Amino acid sequence: MSASYKTWGSEIDQAAHAQMHNACALPVTSYGALMPDAHVGYGLPIGGVIATENSVIPYAVGVDIACRVMLTVLDLPLSRFEREQHIFSAVLKTQTFFGIGSTRDQTLDHPVLDEDWNISPLVRSLKDKAWRQLGTSGSGNHFVEFGEFELLYDREELKAGKYLGLVSHSGSRGSGAAIASHYSKIAEKSHPELNQTLKQLAWLTIPGDGEEYFQAMQLMGRYASANHQIIHREILRALSAKSLFQVENHHNFAWREEVGGKNLFVHRKGATPAHQGVLGYIPGTMVDPGFLVEGRGEPSSINSCSHGAGRKMSRNKARENITRKALDLELQKKKVTLISAGLDEAPQAYKDINSVMREQEDLVNILGRFQPRLVKMAPAGEEPED
């Protein structure tokens, strides 16, 4: 029998539902959930969550393994940002690096490079690429942005109020993509019984051939975190600033968790962990707010929430229907300065983040709000990595 899944959100296309039905019909799937930012993806829809028994599904994790977001609250006053925005713009231009194959001007080190990369011949061969791309941001919906962060309630580490915030979104870069491609092909070959529609949901067993992929995925999680740590560290260093508060969380990952009294592998593809009391950050668009949230631990969502607003237009459709003039008008209306981005990332291509947040009030509590003011993404024409 197929596993059932509960849906949050009203603006979800039928193709995404079809993909969830397929994922829940797998013999290894025990539970499912679909988040309000959901839209069609490869294998599992973006915004899809499934819990599997003794198995991991590379395409249910995603191509950009461990893609994540990080929010840093800076000790610099908002007034300085408003007065000297050109300085912050210059720092984003010199300290962030976007695009497929992008590298920093100078390679940097991080303890993640001292970890064991001998998981497999493939992983070992990727270490040099990972080192060259350390601290970079990729393409697609990845970004680095400054803005106004408002904390709504006092916390032990930070008082309620308005601050200057820095947010980044990126993943495991070329190394993660290579690992996803390699193990997806192994999974497909392991399940010749799956038809063309289902082959992207092919699984690897644990214990068994899935152990190697799971270890590689874990390493990519630590590597993706290192990317963000370096991005934020170098930006703060360039501004002679310090961090007052920081939170990061990832999606496109599989976690070992207890669900329904069983130890399962929870795949969150474009979905954020939202266990009771766990902090997370949900971005909006280049002009719309993002939210600092605290999970409510809703069992029927498999302790998950959305990872963003979610697309309502494909990239091709966005390029065909959204003009640069329309984007510029939206940027002007919301008082946002855009350094670079393609039309496929225009806010008109996304769902309304405020509606998405209302549709998941039972999944998270909102603790803070971030309004983008200065945004950098990959330049137009870059192929997406997300």
Protein backbone atom coordinates (compact mmCIF):
# COMPACT_ATOMS: atom_id res chain seq x y z
CA MET A 1 0.00 0.00 0.00
CA SER A 2 1.15 3.54 -0.73
CA ALA A 3 2.16 5.79 2.14
CA SER A 4 -0.14 8.75 2.64
CA TYR A 5 1.05 12.34 2.70
CA LYS A 6 -0.43 15.56 4.06
CA THR A 7 -0.25 18.78 2.07
CA TRP A 8 0.24 22.35 3.27
CA GLY A 9 -0.54 25.13 0.83
CA SER A 10 -3.10 25.72 -1.90
CA GLU A 11 -0.93 26.82 -4.83
CA ILE A 12 0.69 23.50 -5.77
CA ASP A 13 0.66 22.16 -9.32
CA GLN A 14 -0.64 18.69 -10.12
CA ALA A 15 2.74 17.56 -11.46
CA ALA A 16 4.20 18.01 -7.96
CA HIS A 17 1.36 15.95 -6.50
CA ALA A 18 1.97 13.25 -9.11
CA GLN A 19 5.62 13.09 -8.06
CA MET A 20 4.62 12.80 -4.40
CA HIS A 21 2.19 9.97 -5.21
CA ASN A 22 5.00 8.14 -7.01
CA ALA A 23 7.42 8.65 -4.12
CA CYS A 24 4.88 7.48 -1.57
CA ALA A 25 4.14 4.37 -3.64
CA LEU A 26 7.74 3.12 -3.33
CA PRO A 27 8.07 -0.04 -1.22
CA VAL A 28 10.65 1.71 1.00
CA THR A 29 8.52 4.80 1.80
CA SER A 30 6.72 4.90 5.16
CA TYR A 31 5.57 8.54 5.43
CA GLY A 32 5.31 11.67 3.30
CA ALA A 33 4.52 15.40 3.53
CA LEU A 34 4.33 18.26 1.02
CA MET A 35 5.25 21.81 2.01
CA PRO A 36 3.45 25.00 0.83
CA ASP A 37 6.34 26.13 -1.40
CA ALA A 38 6.20 22.86 -3.35
CA HIS A 39 6.66 22.66 -7.12
CA VAL A 40 7.76 20.01 -9.58
CA GLY A 41 11.37 18.80 -9.45
CA TYR A 42 13.34 15.70 -10.44
CA GLY A 43 12.05 12.54 -8.80
CA LEU A 44 10.76 14.05 -5.57
CA PRO A 45 9.15 17.50 -5.91
CA ILE A 46 10.85 20.52 -4.40
CA GLY A 47 9.15 20.90 -1.02
CA GLY A 48 8.64 17.15 -0.74
CA VAL A 49 9.45 15.17 2.40
CA ILE A 50 9.53 11.38 2.64
CA ALA A 51 10.69 8.98 5.35
CA THR A 52 12.13 5.72 4.04
CA GLU A 53 13.13 2.49 5.73
CA ASN A 54 16.72 1.21 5.38
CA SER A 55 17.28 3.23 2.21
CA VAL A 56 18.36 6.56 0.77
CA ILE A 57 17.23 8.04 -2.55
CA PRO A 58 19.87 10.32 -4.14
CA TYR A 59 17.31 12.26 -6.21
CA ALA A 60 15.09 12.69 -3.14
CA VAL A 61 18.06 14.51 -1.59
CA GLY A 62 18.67 16.52 -4.74
CA VAL A 63 21.46 17.59 -7.05
CA ASP A 64 22.73 20.39 -4.79
CA ILE A 65 23.40 18.27 -1.72
CA ALA A 66 23.01 20.10 1.61
CA CYS A 67 22.06 23.43 0.06
CA ARG A 68 21.54 25.76 2.99
CA VAL A 69 20.95 29.29 4.24
CA MET A 70 22.81 31.30 6.88
CA LEU A 71 21.74 34.49 8.66
CA THR A 72 24.24 36.68 10.51
CA VAL A 73 23.27 39.73 12.57
CA LEU A 74 26.07 42.30 12.44
CA ASP A 75 27.20 44.72 15.13
CA LEU A 76 27.15 47.60 12.62
CA PRO A 77 24.28 50.12 12.89
CA LEU A 78 21.62 50.14 10.20
CA SER A 79 22.22 53.88 9.79
CA ARG A 80 25.73 53.20 8.52
CA PHE A 81 24.42 50.77 5.91
CA GLU A 82 21.83 53.31 4.75
CA ARG A 83 24.43 56.07 4.65
CA GLU A 84 27.27 54.08 3.05
CA GLN A 85 25.52 51.47 0.94
CA HIS A 86 28.18 51.87 -1.76
CA ILE A 87 30.76 50.39 0.64
CA PHE A 88 28.60 47.33 1.34
CA SER A 89 27.98 46.95 -2.38
CA ALA A 90 31.71 47.00 -3.05
CA VAL A 91 32.25 44.31 -0.41
CA LEU A 92 29.64 42.04 -2.01
CA LYS A 93 31.25 42.57 -5.39
CA THR A 94 34.75 41.68 -4.16
CA GLN A 95 34.01 39.04 -1.51
CA THR A 96 31.34 36.88 -3.17
CA PHE A 97 31.79 34.64 -6.21
CA PHE A 98 28.91 33.23 -8.27
CA GLY A 99 28.48 30.87 -11.20
CA ILE A 100 29.12 27.27 -12.23
CA GLY A 101 32.81 26.54 -11.78
CA SER A 102 33.38 29.79 -9.90
CA THR A 103 36.34 30.04 -7.53
CA ARG A 104 37.62 32.72 -5.17
CA ASP A 105 40.46 35.01 -6.22
CA GLN A 106 42.51 33.38 -3.46
CA THR A 107 41.98 29.83 -2.19
CA LEU A 108 41.24 29.54 1.53
CA ASP A 109 41.54 26.70 4.01
CA HIS A 110 38.96 25.25 6.40
CA PRO A 111 38.99 22.25 8.78
CA VAL A 112 36.55 20.44 6.45
CA LEU A 113 39.48 19.86 4.10
CA ASP A 114 41.29 17.97 6.88
CA GLU A 115 38.47 15.45 7.15
CA ASP A 116 38.54 12.00 5.57
CA TRP A 117 37.85 12.40 1.84
CA ASN A 118 38.75 8.76 1.17
CA ILE A 119 35.13 7.61 1.31
CA SER A 120 35.42 6.47 -2.30
CA PRO A 121 37.69 7.09 -5.31
CA LEU A 122 35.16 9.65 -6.60
CA VAL A 123 35.00 11.62 -3.35
CA ARG A 124 38.79 11.56 -3.07
CA SER A 125 39.10 12.93 -6.63
CA LEU A 126 36.79 15.86 -5.78
CA LYS A 127 38.86 17.27 -2.91
CA ASP A 128 40.91 19.65 -5.08
CA LYS A 129 37.79 21.00 -6.78
CA ALA A 130 36.13 21.45 -3.39
CA TRP A 131 39.16 23.36 -2.14
CA ARG A 132 39.16 25.68 -5.17
CA GLN A 133 35.43 26.40 -4.79
CA LEU A 134 35.45 26.81 -1.02
CA GLY A 135 33.58 29.95 -0.01
CA THR A 136 31.69 30.43 -3.28
CA SER A 137 27.99 30.65 -4.05
CA GLY A 138 27.11 28.94 -7.31
CA SER A 139 24.17 29.97 -9.48
CA GLY A 140 20.41 29.45 -9.77
CA ASN A 141 18.53 30.77 -6.74
CA HIS A 142 21.70 31.23 -4.67
CA PHE A 143 22.34 34.70 -3.28
CA VAL A 144 24.16 36.86 -0.75
CA GLU A 145 22.28 39.91 0.56
CA PHE A 146 22.28 42.65 3.17
CA GLY A 147 19.08 43.92 4.74
CA GLU A 148 17.14 45.00 7.78
CA PHE A 149 16.58 42.24 10.32
CA GLU A 150 13.98 42.72 13.03
CA LEU A 151 14.01 40.34 15.99
CA LEU A 152 10.50 40.28 17.44
CA TYR A 153 11.30 38.81 20.86
CA ASP A 154 14.23 39.01 23.25
CA ARG A 155 16.63 36.08 23.16
CA GLU A 156 19.44 35.28 25.53
CA GLU A 157 22.01 36.23 22.89
CA LEU A 158 20.16 39.17 21.30
CA LYS A 159 17.56 41.73 22.36
CA ALA A 160 14.46 42.42 20.28
CA GLY A 161 14.99 45.24 17.82
CA LYS A 162 16.19 46.17 14.35
CA TYR A 163 19.66 45.22 13.12
CA LEU A 164 21.76 44.94 10.00
CA GLY A 165 21.58 41.38 8.68
CA LEU A 166 23.50 39.31 6.15
CA VAL A 167 21.93 36.25 4.50
CA SER A 168 23.45 33.72 2.10
CA HIS A 169 22.02 30.74 0.20
CA SER A 170 24.24 28.17 -1.48
CA GLY A 171 25.23 24.51 -1.32
CA SER A 172 27.97 21.98 -1.98
CA ARG A 173 28.88 23.30 -5.43
CA GLY A 174 30.48 21.11 -8.09
CA SER A 175 31.52 18.39 -5.65
CA GLY A 176 27.97 17.85 -4.44
CA ALA A 177 26.64 17.78 -7.99
CA ALA A 178 29.20 15.15 -9.02
CA ILE A 179 28.33 12.96 -6.03
CA ALA A 180 24.60 13.28 -6.73
CA SER A 181 25.07 12.31 -10.38
CA HIS A 182 27.35 9.36 -9.62
CA TYR A 183 25.22 7.70 -6.96
CA SER A 184 21.95 8.41 -8.79
CA LYS A 185 23.27 6.36 -11.71
CA ILE A 186 24.25 3.53 -9.35
CA ALA A 187 20.76 3.59 -7.81
CA GLU A 188 19.08 3.49 -11.25
CA LYS A 189 21.20 0.50 -12.32
CA SER A 190 20.27 -1.26 -9.08
CA HIS A 191 16.56 -1.04 -9.91
CA PRO A 192 15.96 -1.96 -13.57
CA GLU A 193 12.37 -2.80 -12.63
CA LEU A 194 11.53 0.93 -12.30
CA ASN A 195 9.99 2.52 -15.38
CA GLN A 196 11.06 5.82 -16.95
CA THR A 197 8.78 7.82 -14.63
CA LEU A 198 10.08 6.20 -11.45
CA LYS A 199 13.78 5.70 -12.18
CA GLN A 200 14.74 9.01 -10.59
CA LEU A 201 13.31 7.64 -7.34
CA ALA A 202 15.67 4.66 -7.34
CA TRP A 203 17.08 3.92 -3.89
CA LEU A 204 20.24 2.58 -2.30
CA THR A 205 19.94 0.26 0.69
CA ILE A 206 21.42 0.76 4.16
CA PRO A 207 23.19 -1.31 5.32
CA GLY A 208 24.56 -1.95 1.84
CA ASP A 209 25.50 0.19 -1.14
CA GLY A 210 23.77 3.24 0.34
CA GLU A 211 26.33 3.58 3.16
CA GLU A 212 28.95 5.06 0.86
CA TYR A 213 26.52 7.62 -0.55
CA PHE A 214 25.28 8.50 2.95
CA GLN A 215 28.83 9.17 4.15
CA ALA A 216 29.56 11.28 1.06
CA MET A 217 26.33 13.21 1.63
CA GLN A 218 27.30 13.91 5.26
CA LEU A 219 30.67 15.24 4.13
CA MET A 220 28.95 17.51 1.60
CA GLY A 221 26.78 18.82 4.43
CA ARG A 222 29.85 19.89 6.37
CA TYR A 223 31.42 21.27 3.20
CA ALA A 224 28.33 23.36 2.36
CA SER A 225 28.37 24.74 5.90
CA ALA A 226 32.05 25.64 5.48
CA ASN A 227 31.20 27.59 2.33
CA HIS A 228 28.78 29.79 4.26
CA GLN A 229 31.12 30.20 7.22
CA ILE A 230 33.83 31.51 4.90
CA ILE A 231 31.47 33.79 2.94
CA HIS A 232 30.23 35.42 6.15
CA ARG A 233 33.68 35.51 7.76
CA GLU A 234 35.29 37.25 4.79
CA ILE A 235 32.46 39.79 4.43
CA LEU A 236 32.57 40.64 8.13
CA ARG A 237 36.35 40.90 7.99
CA ALA A 238 36.16 43.32 5.04
CA LEU A 239 33.72 45.48 7.01
CA SER A 240 35.60 45.19 10.34
CA ALA A 241 32.34 43.87 11.77
CA LYS A 242 31.45 41.19 14.32
CA SER A 243 28.61 38.70 14.52
CA LEU A 244 25.98 39.21 17.24
CA PHE A 245 23.84 36.23 16.29
CA GLN A 246 23.97 33.52 13.66
CA VAL A 247 21.75 30.69 12.49
CA GLU A 248 22.08 28.24 9.60
CA ASN A 249 20.07 25.29 8.37
CA HIS A 250 20.07 23.07 5.35
CA HIS A 251 17.68 21.29 3.02
CA ASN A 252 18.37 18.76 0.22
CA PHE A 253 19.50 16.17 2.73
CA ALA A 254 18.56 12.89 4.40
CA TRP A 255 18.61 12.60 8.18
CA ARG A 256 18.37 9.52 10.41
CA GLU A 257 15.36 10.28 12.60
CA GLU A 258 12.72 8.48 14.64
CA VAL A 259 9.35 8.73 12.90
CA GLY A 260 6.28 6.84 14.06
CA GLY A 261 8.40 4.85 16.50
CA LYS A 262 10.78 3.63 13.75
CA ASN A 263 14.31 4.71 12.81
CA LEU A 264 13.93 6.05 9.28
CA PHE A 265 15.76 8.21 6.74
CA VAL A 266 13.94 11.53 6.38
CA HIS A 267 14.56 13.12 2.97
CA ARG A 268 13.84 16.85 2.82
CA LYS A 269 14.22 18.11 -0.74
CA GLY A 270 13.71 21.84 -0.56
CA ALA A 271 12.24 21.54 2.93
CA THR A 272 13.58 22.79 6.27
CA PRO A 273 13.86 20.82 9.52
CA ALA A 274 11.27 22.16 11.98
CA HIS A 275 11.62 20.04 15.09
CA GLN A 276 10.25 21.46 18.34
CA GLY A 277 12.32 24.49 19.34
CA VAL A 278 14.78 24.24 16.43
CA LEU A 279 15.70 27.55 14.77
CA GLY A 280 15.67 27.99 11.01
CA TYR A 281 15.56 30.67 8.35
CA ILE A 282 13.09 30.75 5.44
CA PRO A 283 14.01 33.24 2.67
CA GLY A 284 11.46 35.00 0.48
CA THR A 285 12.59 36.59 -2.80
CA MET A 286 15.07 39.31 -3.74
CA VAL A 287 12.47 41.91 -2.69
CA ASP A 288 10.27 40.03 -0.22
CA PRO A 289 11.01 39.22 3.42
CA GLY A 290 12.63 36.16 4.88
CA PHE A 291 11.78 34.82 8.34
CA LEU A 292 13.65 33.54 11.36
CA VAL A 293 11.48 30.70 12.63
CA GLU A 294 11.27 28.20 15.45
CA GLY A 295 9.97 24.74 14.70
CA ARG A 296 6.80 23.46 16.35
CA GLY A 297 7.57 19.78 15.84
CA GLU A 298 4.43 18.86 13.89
CA PRO A 299 4.52 15.05 13.43
CA SER A 300 2.33 14.99 10.31
CA SER A 301 4.84 17.25 8.49
CA ILE A 302 7.64 14.90 9.61
CA ASN A 303 8.99 17.88 11.58
CA SER A 304 9.42 19.97 8.43
CA CYS A 305 8.46 23.33 6.92
CA SER A 306 9.07 25.17 3.64
CA HIS A 307 12.54 26.26 2.53
CA GLY A 308 11.37 29.41 0.77
CA ALA A 309 8.51 30.92 -1.22
CA GLY A 310 8.61 28.31 -4.00
CA ARG A 311 8.43 28.90 -7.74
CA LYS A 312 5.14 29.50 -9.54
CA MET A 313 6.84 29.90 -12.93
CA SER A 314 9.49 27.69 -14.48
CA ARG A 315 12.75 29.41 -15.36
CA ASN A 316 11.94 29.39 -19.07
CA LYS A 317 8.47 30.78 -18.48
CA ALA A 318 9.89 33.52 -16.27
CA ARG A 319 12.38 34.56 -18.95
CA GLU A 320 9.61 34.63 -21.56
CA ASN A 321 7.07 36.60 -19.48
CA ILE A 322 9.02 38.93 -17.18
CA THR A 323 10.75 42.00 -18.60
CA ARG A 324 13.70 43.85 -17.12
CA LYS A 325 11.48 46.92 -16.84
CA ALA A 326 8.95 45.00 -14.74
CA LEU A 327 11.74 43.74 -12.48
CA ASP A 328 13.21 47.23 -12.11
CA LEU A 329 9.81 48.62 -11.12
CA GLU A 330 9.46 45.95 -8.43
CA LEU A 331 12.96 46.66 -7.13
CA GLN A 332 12.23 50.39 -7.01
CA LYS A 333 8.91 49.86 -5.23
CA LYS A 334 10.52 47.67 -2.54
CA LYS A 335 13.66 49.88 -2.28
CA VAL A 336 16.02 47.05 -3.17
CA THR A 337 19.34 47.46 -4.99
CA LEU A 338 20.18 44.49 -7.20
CA ILE A 339 23.83 43.99 -8.16
CA SER A 340 23.21 41.04 -10.48
CA ALA A 341 20.61 38.34 -11.25
CA GLY A 342 18.76 36.77 -14.16
CA LEU A 343 15.10 37.37 -14.97
CA ASP A 344 14.38 33.77 -14.01
CA GLU A 345 14.96 34.84 -10.39
CA ALA A 346 12.59 37.84 -10.55
CA PRO A 347 10.13 37.95 -7.62
CA GLN A 348 7.20 37.61 -10.05
CA ALA A 349 8.35 34.01 -10.70
CA TYR A 350 7.72 33.07 -7.06
CA LYS A 351 4.75 32.48 -4.81
CA ASP A 352 3.80 35.06 -2.19
CA ILE A 353 6.02 34.32 0.81
CA ASN A 354 3.52 35.85 3.22
CA SER A 355 0.82 33.44 2.01
CA VAL A 356 3.26 30.55 2.31
CA MET A 357 4.02 31.52 5.91
CA ARG A 358 0.32 31.76 6.77
CA GLU A 359 -0.22 28.29 5.32
CA GLN A 360 2.34 26.78 7.68
CA GLU A 361 1.47 28.53 10.94
CA ASP A 362 1.07 25.13 12.58
CA LEU A 363 4.63 24.17 11.57
CA VAL A 364 6.70 27.16 12.76
CA ASN A 365 6.55 30.24 14.96
CA ILE A 366 7.94 33.46 13.44
CA LEU A 367 10.66 35.03 15.62
CA GLY A 368 12.09 37.61 13.24
CA ARG A 369 11.81 39.20 9.82
CA PHE A 370 14.52 40.11 7.30
CA GLN A 371 13.89 42.65 4.53
CA PRO A 372 16.45 42.50 1.67
CA ARG A 373 18.00 45.82 0.66
CA LEU A 374 21.15 44.94 -1.32
CA VAL A 375 21.21 41.68 -3.28
CA LYS A 376 23.74 39.82 -5.38
CA MET A 377 22.99 36.65 -7.37
CA ALA A 378 24.65 34.93 -10.32
CA PRO A 379 24.58 37.11 -13.46
CA ALA A 380 22.00 36.49 -16.18
CA GLY A 381 22.79 33.58 -18.45
CA GLU A 382 24.26 31.28 -15.80
CA GLU A 383 22.87 27.75 -15.74
CA PRO A 384 21.08 26.96 -12.45
CA GLU A 385 22.68 24.68 -9.84
CA ASP A 386 19.60 24.44 -7.61
